[in-house]
Amino acid sequence: MRQFGEITTVAIGDTYNDIPMIKEVDYPILVQGPDKTYVVSEDIAKLRRIDDIGPAGWNIGIIDLLKEMGNGH
């Protein structure tokens, strides 16, 4: 039993070392790398690809997710 009840997990990454983490969460988010490409081409269930890099991409990914979750999804 989890101490805090049911939890929702999110991971955001942009490099190859982030892929194992991204594969394990409820909401995987991949932002573009500095060269505006994505490091992964494989299928990851529910993967969200954000068309921006670094902190700007992270911000877009989180805001989009929070908006979606606020709508009961």
PDB file of N, CA and C in Angstrom:
ATOM      1  N   MET A   1       0.842  -1.176   0.000  1.00  0.00           N
ATOM      2  CA  MET A   1       0.000   0.000   0.000  1.00  0.00           C
ATOM      3  C   MET A   1       0.891   1.245   0.000  1.00  0.00           C
ATOM      4  N   ARG A   2       0.537   2.188  -0.823  1.00  0.00           N
ATOM      5  CA  ARG A   2       1.299   3.428  -0.880  1.00  0.00           C
ATOM      6  C   ARG A   2       0.914   4.336   0.268  1.00  0.00           C
ATOM      7  N   GLN A   3       1.901   4.955   0.846  1.00  0.00           N
ATOM      8  CA  GLN A   3       1.679   5.829   1.992  1.00  0.00           C
ATOM      9  C   GLN A   3       0.755   6.998   1.659  1.00  0.00           C
ATOM     10  N   PHE A   4       0.840   7.518   0.437  1.00  0.00           N
ATOM     11  CA  PHE A   4       0.077   8.702   0.064  1.00  0.00           C
ATOM     12  C   PHE A   4      -1.101   8.387  -0.850  1.00  0.00           C
ATOM     13  N   GLY A   5      -1.471   7.121  -0.991  1.00  0.00           N
ATOM     14  CA  GLY A   5      -2.569   6.750  -1.874  1.00  0.00           C
ATOM     15  C   GLY A   5      -2.115   6.719  -3.317  1.00  0.00           C
ATOM     16  N   GLU A   6      -3.067   6.865  -4.209  1.00  0.00           N
ATOM     17  CA  GLU A   6      -2.756   6.814  -5.635  1.00  0.00           C
ATOM     18  C   GLU A   6      -2.010   8.083  -6.050  1.00  0.00           C
ATOM     19  N   ILE A   7      -0.973   7.903  -6.847  1.00  0.00           N
ATOM     20  CA  ILE A   7      -0.206   9.046  -7.330  1.00  0.00           C
ATOM     21  C   ILE A   7      -0.170   9.040  -8.854  1.00  0.00           C
ATOM     22  N   THR A   8       0.069  10.188  -9.429  1.00  0.00           N
ATOM     23  CA  THR A   8       0.236  10.328 -10.867  1.00  0.00           C
ATOM     24  C   THR A   8       1.675  10.765 -11.110  1.00  0.00           C
ATOM     25  N   THR A   9       2.329  10.094 -12.046  1.00  0.00           N
ATOM     26  CA  THR A   9       3.731  10.401 -12.313  1.00  0.00           C
ATOM     27  C   THR A   9       3.900  11.068 -13.676  1.00  0.00           C
ATOM     28  N   VAL A  10       4.855  11.998 -13.733  1.00  0.00           N
ATOM     29  CA  VAL A  10       5.181  12.746 -14.949  1.00  0.00           C
ATOM     30  C   VAL A  10       6.693  12.764 -15.082  1.00  0.00           C
ATOM     31  N   ALA A  11       7.178  12.609 -16.302  1.00  0.00           N
ATOM     32  CA  ALA A  11       8.612  12.766 -16.562  1.00  0.00           C
ATOM     33  C   ALA A  11       8.780  13.577 -17.832  1.00  0.00           C
ATOM     34  N   ILE A  12       9.758  14.473 -17.800  1.00  0.00           N
ATOM     35  CA  ILE A  12      10.073  15.305 -18.957  1.00  0.00           C
ATOM     36  C   ILE A  12      11.552  15.153 -19.254  1.00  0.00           C
ATOM     37  N   GLY A  13      11.866  14.934 -20.527  1.00  0.00           N
ATOM     38  CA  GLY A  13      13.266  14.804 -20.874  1.00  0.00           C
ATOM     39  C   GLY A  13      13.547  15.231 -22.291  1.00  0.00           C
ATOM     40  N   ASP A  14      14.849  15.297 -22.609  1.00  0.00           N
ATOM     41  CA  ASP A  14      15.254  15.660 -23.961  1.00  0.00           C
ATOM     42  C   ASP A  14      16.514  14.922 -24.416  1.00  0.00           C
ATOM     43  N   THR A  15      17.037  14.014 -23.573  1.00  0.00           N
ATOM     44  CA  THR A  15      18.251  13.294 -23.944  1.00  0.00           C
ATOM     45  C   THR A  15      18.050  11.787 -23.801  1.00  0.00           C
ATOM     46  N   TYR A  16      18.987  11.031 -24.372  1.00  0.00           N
ATOM     47  CA  TYR A  16      18.886   9.567 -24.347  1.00  0.00           C
ATOM     48  C   TYR A  16      18.806   9.009 -22.933  1.00  0.00           C
ATOM     49  N   ASN A  17      19.513   9.609 -21.990  1.00  0.00           N
ATOM     50  CA  ASN A  17      19.489   9.065 -20.630  1.00  0.00           C
ATOM     51  C   ASN A  17      18.142   9.291 -19.947  1.00  0.00           C
ATOM     52  N   ASP A  18      17.266  10.107 -20.512  1.00  0.00           N
ATOM     53  CA  ASP A  18      15.927  10.325 -19.950  1.00  0.00           C
ATOM     54  C   ASP A  18      14.921   9.255 -20.381  1.00  0.00           C
ATOM     55  N   ILE A  19      15.232   8.509 -21.417  1.00  0.00           N
ATOM     56  CA  ILE A  19      14.269   7.567 -21.997  1.00  0.00           C
ATOM     57  C   ILE A  19      13.807   6.497 -21.006  1.00  0.00           C
ATOM     58  N   PRO A  20      14.687   5.832 -20.249  1.00  0.00           N
ATOM     59  CA  PRO A  20      14.188   4.837 -19.283  1.00  0.00           C
ATOM     60  C   PRO A  20      13.190   5.437 -18.290  1.00  0.00           C
ATOM     61  N   MET A  21      13.431   6.655 -17.828  1.00  0.00           N
ATOM     62  CA  MET A  21      12.521   7.324 -16.902  1.00  0.00           C
ATOM     63  C   MET A  21      11.191   7.627 -17.594  1.00  0.00           C
ATOM     64  N   ILE A  22      11.254   8.144 -18.800  1.00  0.00           N
ATOM     65  CA  ILE A  22      10.053   8.506 -19.545  1.00  0.00           C
ATOM     66  C   ILE A  22       9.159   7.295 -19.792  1.00  0.00           C
ATOM     67  N   LYS A  23       9.761   6.142 -19.990  1.00  0.00           N
ATOM     68  CA  LYS A  23       8.992   4.921 -20.258  1.00  0.00           C
ATOM     69  C   LYS A  23       8.202   4.418 -19.045  1.00  0.00           C
ATOM     70  N   GLU A  24       8.527   4.882 -17.853  1.00  0.00           N
ATOM     71  CA  GLU A  24       7.949   4.331 -16.629  1.00  0.00           C
ATOM     72  C   GLU A  24       6.828   5.156 -16.000  1.00  0.00           C
ATOM     73  N   VAL A  25       6.474   6.284 -16.576  1.00  0.00           N
ATOM     74  CA  VAL A  25       5.534   7.179 -15.916  1.00  0.00           C
ATOM     75  C   VAL A  25       4.157   7.187 -16.588  1.00  0.00           C
ATOM     76  N   ASP A  26       3.198   7.790 -15.895  1.00  0.00           N
ATOM     77  CA  ASP A  26       1.847   7.915 -16.436  1.00  0.00           C
ATOM     78  C   ASP A  26       1.785   8.912 -17.590  1.00  0.00           C
ATOM     79  N   TYR A  27       2.552   9.989 -17.479  1.00  0.00           N
ATOM     80  CA  TYR A  27       2.550  11.049 -18.483  1.00  0.00           C
ATOM     81  C   TYR A  27       3.971  11.332 -18.946  1.00  0.00           C
ATOM     82  N   PRO A  28       4.425  10.645 -20.003  1.00  0.00           N
ATOM     83  CA  PRO A  28       5.764  10.891 -20.527  1.00  0.00           C
ATOM     84  C   PRO A  28       5.763  12.092 -21.483  1.00  0.00           C
ATOM     85  N   ILE A  29       6.721  12.990 -21.293  1.00  0.00           N
ATOM     86  CA  ILE A  29       6.829  14.186 -22.120  1.00  0.00           C
ATOM     87  C   ILE A  29       8.251  14.285 -22.653  1.00  0.00           C
ATOM     88  N   LEU A  30       8.370  14.492 -23.951  1.00  0.00           N
ATOM     89  CA  LEU A  30       9.671  14.640 -24.590  1.00  0.00           C
ATOM     90  C   LEU A  30       9.737  16.008 -25.241  1.00  0.00           C
ATOM     91  N   VAL A  31      10.718  16.804 -24.842  1.00  0.00           N
ATOM     92  CA  VAL A  31      10.933  18.106 -25.478  1.00  0.00           C
ATOM     93  C   VAL A  31      12.059  17.971 -26.490  1.00  0.00           C
ATOM     94  N   GLN A  32      12.128  18.900 -27.407  1.00  0.00           N
ATOM     95  CA  GLN A  32      13.173  18.867 -28.416  1.00  0.00           C
ATOM     96  C   GLN A  32      14.527  19.184 -27.793  1.00  0.00           C
ATOM     97  N   GLY A  33      15.559  18.615 -28.401  1.00  0.00           N
ATOM     98  CA  GLY A  33      16.913  18.950 -27.994  1.00  0.00           C
ATOM     99  C   GLY A  33      17.313  20.296 -28.570  1.00  0.00           C
ATOM    100  N   PRO A  34      18.504  20.788 -28.231  1.00  0.00           N
ATOM    101  CA  PRO A  34      18.966  22.093 -28.716  1.00  0.00           C
ATOM    102  C   PRO A  34      18.961  22.219 -30.245  1.00  0.00           C
ATOM    103  N   ASP A  35      19.085  21.080 -30.942  1.00  0.00           N
ATOM    104  CA  ASP A  35      19.077  21.117 -32.408  1.00  0.00           C
ATOM    105  C   ASP A  35      17.667  20.999 -32.983  1.00  0.00           C
ATOM    106  N   LYS A  36      16.640  21.105 -32.112  1.00  0.00           N
ATOM    107  CA  LYS A  36      15.218  21.063 -32.492  1.00  0.00           C
ATOM    108  C   LYS A  36      14.774  19.692 -33.016  1.00  0.00           C
ATOM    109  N   THR A  37      15.482  18.613 -32.619  1.00  0.00           N
ATOM    110  CA  THR A  37      15.069  17.255 -32.964  1.00  0.00           C
ATOM    111  C   THR A  37      14.746  16.505 -31.680  1.00  0.00           C
ATOM    112  N   TYR A  38      14.105  15.352 -31.844  1.00  0.00           N
ATOM    113  CA  TYR A  38      13.779  14.495 -30.708  1.00  0.00           C
ATOM    114  C   TYR A  38      14.768  13.339 -30.650  1.00  0.00           C
ATOM    115  N   VAL A  39      15.155  12.930 -29.446  1.00  0.00           N
ATOM    116  CA  VAL A  39      16.165  11.878 -29.293  1.00  0.00           C
ATOM    117  C   VAL A  39      15.602  10.479 -29.460  1.00  0.00           C
ATOM    118  N   VAL A  40      14.304  10.341 -29.540  1.00  0.00           N
ATOM    119  CA  VAL A  40      13.712   9.014 -29.613  1.00  0.00           C
ATOM    120  C   VAL A  40      12.738   8.950 -30.779  1.00  0.00           C
ATOM    121  N   SER A  41      12.780   7.837 -31.479  1.00  0.00           N
ATOM    122  CA  SER A  41      11.817   7.632 -32.555  1.00  0.00           C
ATOM    123  C   SER A  41      10.934   6.421 -32.254  1.00  0.00           C
ATOM    124  N   GLU A  42      11.262   5.698 -31.187  1.00  0.00           N
ATOM    125  CA  GLU A  42      10.482   4.511 -30.839  1.00  0.00           C
ATOM    126  C   GLU A  42       9.123   4.886 -30.268  1.00  0.00           C
ATOM    127  N   ASP A  43       8.231   3.921 -30.302  1.00  0.00           N
ATOM    128  CA  ASP A  43       6.895   4.127 -29.749  1.00  0.00           C
ATOM    129  C   ASP A  43       6.930   4.026 -28.229  1.00  0.00           C
ATOM    130  N   ILE A  44       6.485   5.053 -27.570  1.00  0.00           N
ATOM    131  CA  ILE A  44       6.320   5.044 -26.120  1.00  0.00           C
ATOM    132  C   ILE A  44       4.869   5.418 -25.869  1.00  0.00           C
ATOM    133  N   ALA A  45       4.155   4.559 -25.151  1.00  0.00           N
ATOM    134  CA  ALA A  45       2.728   4.781 -24.921  1.00  0.00           C
ATOM    135  C   ALA A  45       2.477   6.163 -24.329  1.00  0.00           C
ATOM    136  N   LYS A  46       1.530   6.872 -24.879  1.00  0.00           N
ATOM    137  CA  LYS A  46       1.070   8.181 -24.399  1.00  0.00           C
ATOM    138  C   LYS A  46       2.140   9.280 -24.438  1.00  0.00           C
ATOM    139  N   LEU A  47       3.201   9.079 -25.223  1.00  0.00           N
ATOM    140  CA  LEU A  47       4.274  10.065 -25.288  1.00  0.00           C
ATOM    141  C   LEU A  47       3.773  11.372 -25.894  1.00  0.00           C
ATOM    142  N   ARG A  48       4.065  12.463 -25.216  1.00  0.00           N
ATOM    143  CA  ARG A  48       3.756  13.801 -25.721  1.00  0.00           C
ATOM    144  C   ARG A  48       5.061  14.405 -26.225  1.00  0.00           C
ATOM    145  N   ARG A  49       5.041  14.883 -27.446  1.00  0.00           N
ATOM    146  CA  ARG A  49       6.213  15.542 -28.023  1.00  0.00           C
ATOM    147  C   ARG A  49       5.945  17.047 -28.038  1.00  0.00           C
ATOM    148  N   ILE A  50       6.820  17.791 -27.411  1.00  0.00           N
ATOM    149  CA  ILE A  50       6.664  19.230 -27.306  1.00  0.00           C
ATOM    150  C   ILE A  50       7.600  19.903 -28.306  1.00  0.00           C
ATOM    151  N   ASP A  51       7.047  20.790 -29.106  1.00  0.00           N
ATOM    152  CA  ASP A  51       7.805  21.458 -30.156  1.00  0.00           C
ATOM    153  C   ASP A  51       8.525  22.703 -29.641  1.00  0.00           C
ATOM    154  N   ASP A  52       9.387  22.491 -28.669  1.00  0.00           N
ATOM    155  CA  ASP A  52      10.249  23.559 -28.170  1.00  0.00           C
ATOM    156  C   ASP A  52      11.362  22.912 -27.358  1.00  0.00           C
ATOM    157  N   ILE A  53      12.364  23.677 -27.007  1.00  0.00           N
ATOM    158  CA  ILE A  53      13.536  23.123 -26.327  1.00  0.00           C
ATOM    159  C   ILE A  53      13.631  23.598 -24.881  1.00  0.00           C
ATOM    160  N   GLY A  54      14.415  22.874 -24.089  1.00  0.00           N
ATOM    161  CA  GLY A  54      14.783  23.265 -22.733  1.00  0.00           C
ATOM    162  C   GLY A  54      13.634  23.726 -21.860  1.00  0.00           C
ATOM    163  N   PRO A  55      13.870  24.753 -21.057  1.00  0.00           N
ATOM    164  CA  PRO A  55      12.855  25.234 -20.121  1.00  0.00           C
ATOM    165  C   PRO A  55      11.559  25.687 -20.797  1.00  0.00           C
ATOM    166  N   ALA A  56      11.657  26.249 -21.998  1.00  0.00           N
ATOM    167  CA  ALA A  56      10.441  26.673 -22.702  1.00  0.00           C
ATOM    168  C   ALA A  56       9.584  25.451 -23.041  1.00  0.00           C
ATOM    169  N   GLY A  57      10.209  24.382 -23.508  1.00  0.00           N
ATOM    170  CA  GLY A  57       9.480  23.150 -23.809  1.00  0.00           C
ATOM    171  C   GLY A  57       8.899  22.520 -22.556  1.00  0.00           C
ATOM    172  N   TRP A  58       9.674  22.519 -21.486  1.00  0.00           N
ATOM    173  CA  TRP A  58       9.213  21.989 -20.196  1.00  0.00           C
ATOM    174  C   TRP A  58       7.967  22.746 -19.758  1.00  0.00           C
ATOM    175  N   ASN A  59       8.007  24.059 -19.848  1.00  0.00           N
ATOM    176  CA  ASN A  59       6.887  24.906 -19.450  1.00  0.00           C
ATOM    177  C   ASN A  59       5.627  24.591 -20.267  1.00  0.00           C
ATOM    178  N   ILE A  60       5.782  24.481 -21.568  1.00  0.00           N
ATOM    179  CA  ILE A  60       4.644  24.153 -22.433  1.00  0.00           C
ATOM    180  C   ILE A  60       4.071  22.794 -22.057  1.00  0.00           C
ATOM    181  N   GLY A  61       4.937  21.808 -21.864  1.00  0.00           N
ATOM    182  CA  GLY A  61       4.483  20.460 -21.522  1.00  0.00           C
ATOM    183  C   GLY A  61       3.691  20.422 -20.229  1.00  0.00           C
ATOM    184  N   ILE A  62       4.173  21.090 -19.202  1.00  0.00           N
ATOM    185  CA  ILE A  62       3.487  21.096 -17.902  1.00  0.00           C
ATOM    186  C   ILE A  62       2.169  21.865 -17.975  1.00  0.00           C
ATOM    187  N   ILE A  63       2.178  23.025 -18.610  1.00  0.00           N
ATOM    188  CA  ILE A  63       0.950  23.811 -18.712  1.00  0.00           C
ATOM    189  C   ILE A  63      -0.117  23.050 -19.493  1.00  0.00           C
ATOM    190  N   ASP A  64       0.258  22.427 -20.610  1.00  0.00           N
ATOM    191  CA  ASP A  64      -0.709  21.634 -21.388  1.00  0.00           C
ATOM    192  C   ASP A  64      -1.273  20.493 -20.563  1.00  0.00           C
ATOM    193  N   LEU A  65      -0.414  19.813 -19.829  1.00  0.00           N
ATOM    194  CA  LEU A  65      -0.858  18.693 -19.001  1.00  0.00           C
ATOM    195  C   LEU A  65      -1.792  19.164 -17.891  1.00  0.00           C
ATOM    196  N   LEU A  66      -1.445  20.245 -17.215  1.00  0.00           N
ATOM    197  CA  LEU A  66      -2.299  20.764 -16.146  1.00  0.00           C
ATOM    198  C   LEU A  66      -3.658  21.211 -16.675  1.00  0.00           C
ATOM    199  N   LYS A  67      -3.672  21.828 -17.865  1.00  0.00           N
ATOM    200  CA  LYS A  67      -4.943  22.215 -18.468  1.00  0.00           C
ATOM    201  C   LYS A  67      -5.798  20.984 -18.748  1.00  0.00           C
ATOM    202  N   GLU A  68      -5.172  19.957 -19.298  1.00  0.00           N
ATOM    203  CA  GLU A  68      -5.891  18.717 -19.599  1.00  0.00           C
ATOM    204  C   GLU A  68      -6.435  18.070 -18.318  1.00  0.00           C
ATOM    205  N   MET A  69      -5.610  17.997 -17.297  1.00  0.00           N
ATOM    206  CA  MET A  69      -6.035  17.375 -16.050  1.00  0.00           C
ATOM    207  C   MET A  69      -7.121  18.200 -15.361  1.00  0.00           C
ATOM    208  N   GLY A  70      -7.100  19.515 -15.538  1.00  0.00           N
ATOM    209  CA  GLY A  70      -8.114  20.376 -14.983  1.00  0.00           C
ATOM    210  C   GLY A  70      -9.473  20.199 -15.645  1.00  0.00           C
ATOM    211  N   ASN A  71      -9.458  19.608 -16.850  1.00  0.00           N
ATOM    212  CA  ASN A  71     -10.703  19.349 -17.570  1.00  0.00           C
ATOM    213  C   ASN A  71     -11.233  17.954 -17.301  1.00  0.00           C
ATOM    214  N   GLY A  72     -10.721  17.310 -16.262  1.00  0.00           N
ATOM    215  CA  GLY A  72     -11.225  16.002 -15.870  1.00  0.00           C
ATOM    216  C   GLY A  72     -10.658  14.831 -16.640  1.00  0.00           C
ATOM    217  N   HIS A  73      -9.540  15.002 -17.323  1.00  0.00           N
ATOM    218  CA  HIS A  73      -8.919  13.909 -18.088  1.00  0.00           C
ATOM    219  C   HIS A  73      -7.897  13.203 -17.252  1.00  0.00           C
TER     220      HIS A  73
END
